[in-house]
Structure formats: C-alpha cells, structure tokens
Protein backbone atom coordinates (compact mmCIF):
# COMPACT_ATOMS: atom_id res chain seq x y z
CA MET A 1 215.04 115.27 123.01
CA SER A 2 214.21 112.17 120.97
CA ALA A 3 213.96 112.16 117.18
CA GLU A 4 210.27 111.38 117.50
CA ASN A 5 209.62 114.57 119.46
CA VAL A 6 211.67 116.63 117.01
CA ASN A 7 209.64 115.28 114.08
CA ARG A 8 206.38 115.94 115.91
CA ILE A 9 207.41 119.53 116.70
CA ARG A 10 208.60 120.10 113.12
CA ALA A 11 205.37 118.64 111.72
CA LYS A 12 203.27 120.97 113.88
CA GLU A 13 205.41 123.98 112.89
CA LEU A 14 205.16 123.11 109.19
CA VAL A 15 201.37 122.79 109.44
CA SER A 16 201.32 126.26 111.03
CA LEU A 17 203.54 127.68 108.27
CA PHE A 18 201.63 125.97 105.45
CA PRO A 19 197.95 125.75 106.43
CA GLY A 20 196.29 123.23 104.15
CA VAL A 21 199.44 121.19 103.49
CA HIS A 22 198.66 117.63 102.42
CA LEU A 23 200.28 114.62 103.98
CA ARG A 24 202.65 113.78 101.10
CA GLN A 25 203.89 117.37 100.90
CA LEU A 26 204.39 117.40 104.68
CA GLN A 27 206.40 114.20 104.33
CA ARG A 28 208.66 115.83 101.74
CA LEU A 29 209.14 118.93 103.88
CA LEU A 30 209.93 116.83 106.96
CA ASN A 31 212.27 114.59 104.99
CA ALA A 32 210.82 111.62 106.86
CA SER A 33 209.18 108.38 105.82
CA PHE A 34 205.50 108.48 104.93
CA ASN A 35 204.62 106.21 107.87
CA THR A 36 206.47 108.50 110.30
CA THR A 37 204.69 111.54 108.87
CA ARG A 38 201.29 109.84 109.03
CA TYR A 39 201.98 108.73 112.61
CA HIS A 40 202.77 112.26 113.76
CA ALA A 41 199.88 113.80 111.84
CA TYR A 42 197.48 111.28 113.37
CA ASN A 43 198.78 111.92 116.89
CA LEU A 44 198.71 115.69 116.44
CA GLU A 45 195.10 115.41 115.26
CA ARG A 46 194.19 113.05 118.10
CA ASP A 47 195.66 115.50 120.62
CA GLY A 48 193.75 118.42 119.08
CA GLU A 49 196.86 120.26 117.87
CA VAL A 50 195.95 120.05 114.17
CA VAL A 51 192.74 119.49 112.23
CA CYS A 52 192.49 117.26 109.18
CA SER A 53 190.05 118.14 106.38
CA ARG A 54 189.44 116.22 103.20
CA VAL A 55 189.31 118.73 100.30
CA GLY A 56 189.89 118.13 96.61
CA GLY A 57 190.96 114.52 97.03
CA TYR A 58 193.63 115.37 99.62
CA SER A 59 193.69 115.17 103.38
CA ARG A 60 194.70 118.69 104.31
CA LEU A 61 196.18 119.61 107.68
CA PHE A 62 195.42 122.88 109.47
CA PRO A 63 196.48 124.31 112.82
CA ALA A 64 193.90 123.84 115.58
CA GLY A 65 191.49 126.76 115.69
CA PHE A 66 192.00 127.63 112.03
CA ASP A 67 188.88 129.34 110.66
CA GLY A 68 186.67 126.79 108.93
CA GLY A 69 185.81 129.22 106.13
CA ALA A 70 189.47 129.76 105.33
CA ARG A 71 190.16 126.02 105.06
CA GLY A 72 188.67 125.81 101.58
CA LEU A 73 190.65 128.82 100.42
CA TYR A 74 193.98 127.58 101.76
CA SER A 75 193.31 124.09 100.43
CA VAL A 76 192.96 125.26 96.84
CA LEU A 77 195.89 127.67 97.08
CA HIS A 78 198.32 124.75 97.27
CA ASN A 79 197.61 123.77 93.66
CA LYS A 80 199.31 125.94 91.01
CA SER A 81 196.67 125.37 88.32
CA THR A 82 193.84 126.17 90.72
CA ARG A 83 195.69 129.34 91.77
CA HIS A 84 196.04 130.28 88.11
CA VAL A 85 192.28 129.84 87.54
CA LEU A 86 191.52 131.66 90.79
CA ARG A 87 193.81 134.59 89.86
CA THR A 88 192.08 134.84 86.46
CA LEU A 89 188.63 134.89 88.09
CA VAL A 90 189.70 137.48 90.65
CA SER A 91 191.00 139.82 87.96
CA GLY A 92 188.42 139.03 85.28
CA GLY A 93 185.13 138.96 87.15
CA ARG A 94 182.42 136.80 85.55
CA LEU A 95 184.00 134.43 83.03
CA THR A 96 182.98 131.37 81.07
CA ASN A 97 185.01 128.18 80.98
CA GLY A 98 186.28 129.08 77.50
CA GLU A 99 187.35 132.57 78.58
CA ILE A 100 189.23 131.16 81.58
CA SER A 101 190.85 128.57 79.32
CA ALA A 102 191.96 131.24 76.85
CA ALA A 103 193.32 133.48 79.63
CA THR A 104 195.22 130.72 81.43
CA GLY A 105 196.30 128.55 78.53
CA LEU A 106 194.88 125.52 80.34
CA PRO A 107 192.66 123.00 78.53
CA LYS A 108 188.92 123.44 79.07
CA SER A 109 188.70 120.08 80.86
CA THR A 110 191.37 121.18 83.35
CA VAL A 111 189.60 124.51 83.87
CA SER A 112 186.33 122.62 84.49
CA GLU A 113 188.02 120.47 87.13
CA HIS A 114 189.44 123.49 88.96
CA THR A 115 186.30 125.64 88.72
CA GLU A 116 184.29 122.72 90.11
CA LEU A 117 186.71 122.52 93.05
CA LEU A 118 186.33 126.28 93.60
CA CYS A 119 182.55 125.87 93.62
CA GLN A 120 182.75 122.90 96.04
CA THR A 121 184.82 124.97 98.46
CA GLU A 122 182.28 127.80 98.03
CA LEU A 123 184.91 130.25 96.78
CA ALA A 124 183.18 130.59 93.43
CA ALA A 125 179.66 130.34 92.14
CA LYS A 126 178.46 129.22 88.76
CA SER A 127 175.38 130.48 87.04
CA VAL A 128 173.77 129.75 83.70
CA THR A 129 173.39 132.69 81.33
CA LEU A 130 172.75 133.08 77.60
CA ASP A 131 176.53 132.85 77.10
CA GLY A 132 176.65 129.52 78.93
CA VAL A 133 177.92 128.69 82.39
CA VAL A 134 179.63 131.66 84.03
CA TYR A 135 181.91 131.50 87.07
CA GLU A 136 182.43 134.27 89.60
CA ILE A 137 184.34 134.60 92.87
CA HIS A 138 182.16 135.28 95.93
CA ASP A 139 184.44 137.66 97.83
CA ARG A 140 186.98 138.95 95.29
CA ALA A 141 188.77 141.29 97.72
CA ARG A 142 189.34 138.64 100.40
CA VAL A 143 190.33 135.93 97.93
CA GLY A 144 192.60 138.30 96.00
CA GLU A 145 194.36 139.36 99.20
CA ALA A 146 194.84 135.75 100.36
CA LEU A 147 196.10 134.76 96.90
CA ALA A 148 198.63 137.61 96.86
CA MET A 149 199.87 136.78 100.37
CA PHE A 150 200.19 133.09 99.52
CA GLU A 151 202.13 133.78 96.33
CA ARG A 152 204.49 136.24 98.06
CA ASN A 153 205.41 133.61 100.63
CA LEU A 154 208.95 132.59 99.68
CA MET A 155 208.53 129.22 101.39
CA THR A 156 205.56 128.44 99.15
CA VAL A 157 207.54 129.28 96.04
CA ALA A 158 210.42 127.11 97.27
CA ALA A 159 208.10 124.22 98.13
CA ASP A 160 206.42 124.40 94.70
CA SER A 161 209.81 124.38 93.00
CA PHE A 162 210.93 121.44 95.11
CA VAL A 163 207.79 119.48 94.26
CA ASP A 164 208.33 120.25 90.53
CA LEU A 165 211.85 118.83 90.80
CA TRP A 166 210.57 115.84 92.76
CA ASP A 167 208.05 115.02 90.03
CA PHE A 168 210.71 115.37 87.33
C-alpha cells in the first residue's frame, strides 16, 4: 500500500474519531505536511467520505452522514475556552456575560466571543432582560451529555495537551 493511501485512510479515521477536527489539527495528528493533509481532505470531501463545514473561523471536517445539528456542537467542543463557557452555562442556567466571566475567570470580551459563537451555532440563545443580556443553552441535557462524553475522551485530552505544547 502506498504512503498516499495510508495517509488518506488515517485522515478518514481521524475525522471519524474527532468529528469537527480542523485542518491544522488534522495535520498535526497525521504528522504530515499541510499540503498533504489538505490534499487528502479535499479528495475525501470530493469523494463524499467527509463533509467540510466552516464554523467559528475554521474549516471543520466531519464523517459523511454526520447529523447536521450535531456539527455545531462538535465544532465548538474543540475549543477549550468555549467548552469552559458551555460547561458554565449548562450548570448555571441563565447567566449574564459578567456572571459567566466571574465563574470561568475569562475576560468579558473573551466570554462575549464564545457566547456569540454558541448563539451562531444555535446551541445558546440570548435574550435581553432588566439585568442585561442573558445567555441560556437550548437543550441542556443533550449538550451536557455531549460535553461530558467529549471531555472523557482520552484522545481529546491528549490532543489538547499536544496542541498546548505545540503552541509553547
């Protein structure tokens, strides 16, 4: 079997293991050049084996047939800060930007960025009250379950740690 076929098979397997993986992260996991990774991702998409979605400034790859509603959820789960905001909203219910910032320790501007992404992917809704803008998760049980499963995945923890080292 040629190296090209091995990389293609590995790329498809990694997309199945990490739905919503972005191209640069896939490149790191494959340990291949960016052009090689892009080539295989393009061909897998062309052949209908993966689907590419643009969410949150990243091109995210999903296995073919992956539920469209779950794409937004899995896309945001790949970002640690967004997961932190999401976890706070799941456990806290209806919260303002300031309350989320206090609970997470993230600056209000960062919280605003991540809550906006959650609203764009239709995982959260914002409403204006007397207290200000309040954010709330649409389906807390489903999102909480997906968040817990994602965080228990040892490969996700290892990939996050590897990316932290890479950025160091």
